[in-house]
Amino acid sequence: MLLKKGSKGAEVKEWQKVIGTAADGIFGANTEKLTIEWQKANNLTADGIVGPATWEAAGIDTDLSASTSVEED
């Protein structure tokens, strides 16, 4: 899942908890600023976009295919 300024929802709330800000589910200017700071502190590309490398550095598995597969009879 890719998050950036303007994104909204549960994934944004999850990310906001990682960066230590109020989890309102809206990726606004403050979330972007804190994301850039977090990325710099973790030696990542500091672009304010939460992509696969940022999620991985935070220790969060975003491979939804593994958790959403359903077997049919």
Protein backbone atom coordinates (compact mmCIF):
# COMPACT_ATOMS: atom_id res chain seq x y z
CA MET A 1 0.00 0.00 0.00
CA LEU A 2 1.29 3.42 -0.96
CA LEU A 3 0.49 6.39 1.26
CA LYS A 4 1.11 10.05 0.49
CA LYS A 5 -0.31 13.48 1.20
CA GLY A 6 -4.06 13.30 0.56
CA SER A 7 -4.37 9.60 1.47
CA LYS A 8 -7.06 8.66 4.00
CA GLY A 9 -8.14 5.58 5.91
CA ALA A 10 -7.09 2.81 8.28
CA GLU A 11 -3.66 2.38 6.69
CA VAL A 12 -2.91 6.06 7.33
CA LYS A 13 -3.94 5.61 10.97
CA GLU A 14 -1.58 2.65 11.26
CA TRP A 15 1.27 4.71 9.80
CA GLN A 16 0.50 7.68 12.05
CA LYS A 17 0.91 5.41 15.09
CA VAL A 18 4.37 4.42 13.80
CA ILE A 19 5.50 8.04 13.50
CA GLY A 20 3.94 9.07 16.80
CA THR A 21 1.28 11.53 15.75
CA ALA A 22 -2.47 11.71 16.32
CA ALA A 23 -4.04 8.88 14.33
CA ASP A 24 -6.86 10.69 12.54
CA GLY A 25 -6.54 8.74 9.28
CA ILE A 26 -5.76 11.80 7.17
CA PHE A 27 -2.31 12.09 5.58
CA GLY A 28 -1.87 15.85 5.74
CA ALA A 29 1.04 18.26 5.98
CA ASN A 30 2.04 17.22 9.52
CA THR A 31 2.01 13.51 8.67
CA GLU A 32 4.08 14.24 5.58
CA LYS A 33 6.61 16.25 7.61
CA LEU A 34 6.91 13.55 10.27
CA THR A 35 7.18 10.86 7.58
CA ILE A 36 10.13 12.68 5.99
CA GLU A 37 11.81 13.01 9.40
CA TRP A 38 11.21 9.31 10.12
CA GLN A 39 12.57 8.31 6.71
CA LYS A 40 15.72 10.40 7.23
CA ALA A 41 16.26 8.89 10.69
CA ASN A 42 15.97 5.41 9.15
CA ASN A 43 18.31 6.06 6.20
CA LEU A 44 15.55 5.90 3.61
CA THR A 45 14.73 8.13 0.66
CA ALA A 46 13.04 11.05 2.44
CA ASP A 47 10.24 11.77 -0.02
CA GLY A 48 7.27 11.76 2.36
CA ILE A 49 5.74 8.79 0.55
CA VAL A 50 5.15 5.59 2.50
CA GLY A 51 5.96 2.81 0.06
CA PRO A 52 7.30 -0.74 0.39
CA ALA A 53 10.75 0.22 1.73
CA THR A 54 9.28 2.50 4.39
CA TRP A 55 6.73 -0.10 5.52
CA GLU A 56 9.49 -2.73 5.64
CA ALA A 57 11.76 -0.47 7.70
CA ALA A 58 8.87 0.00 10.14
CA GLY A 59 8.53 -3.78 10.41
CA ILE A 60 5.05 -3.86 8.91
CA ASP A 61 4.21 -6.57 6.37
CA THR A 62 2.13 -5.14 3.54
CA ASP A 63 1.92 -8.33 1.48
CA LEU A 64 -1.86 -8.53 1.52
CA SER A 65 -1.95 -11.49 -0.84
CA ALA A 66 -0.66 -13.78 1.91
CA SER A 67 -3.31 -12.72 4.39
CA THR A 68 -6.30 -12.47 2.08
CA SER A 69 -6.12 -15.70 0.16
CA VAL A 70 -9.24 -17.83 0.52
CA GLU A 71 -9.48 -21.50 -0.30
CA GLU A 72 -12.61 -22.71 -1.98
CA ASP A 73 -14.10 -26.18 -1.52
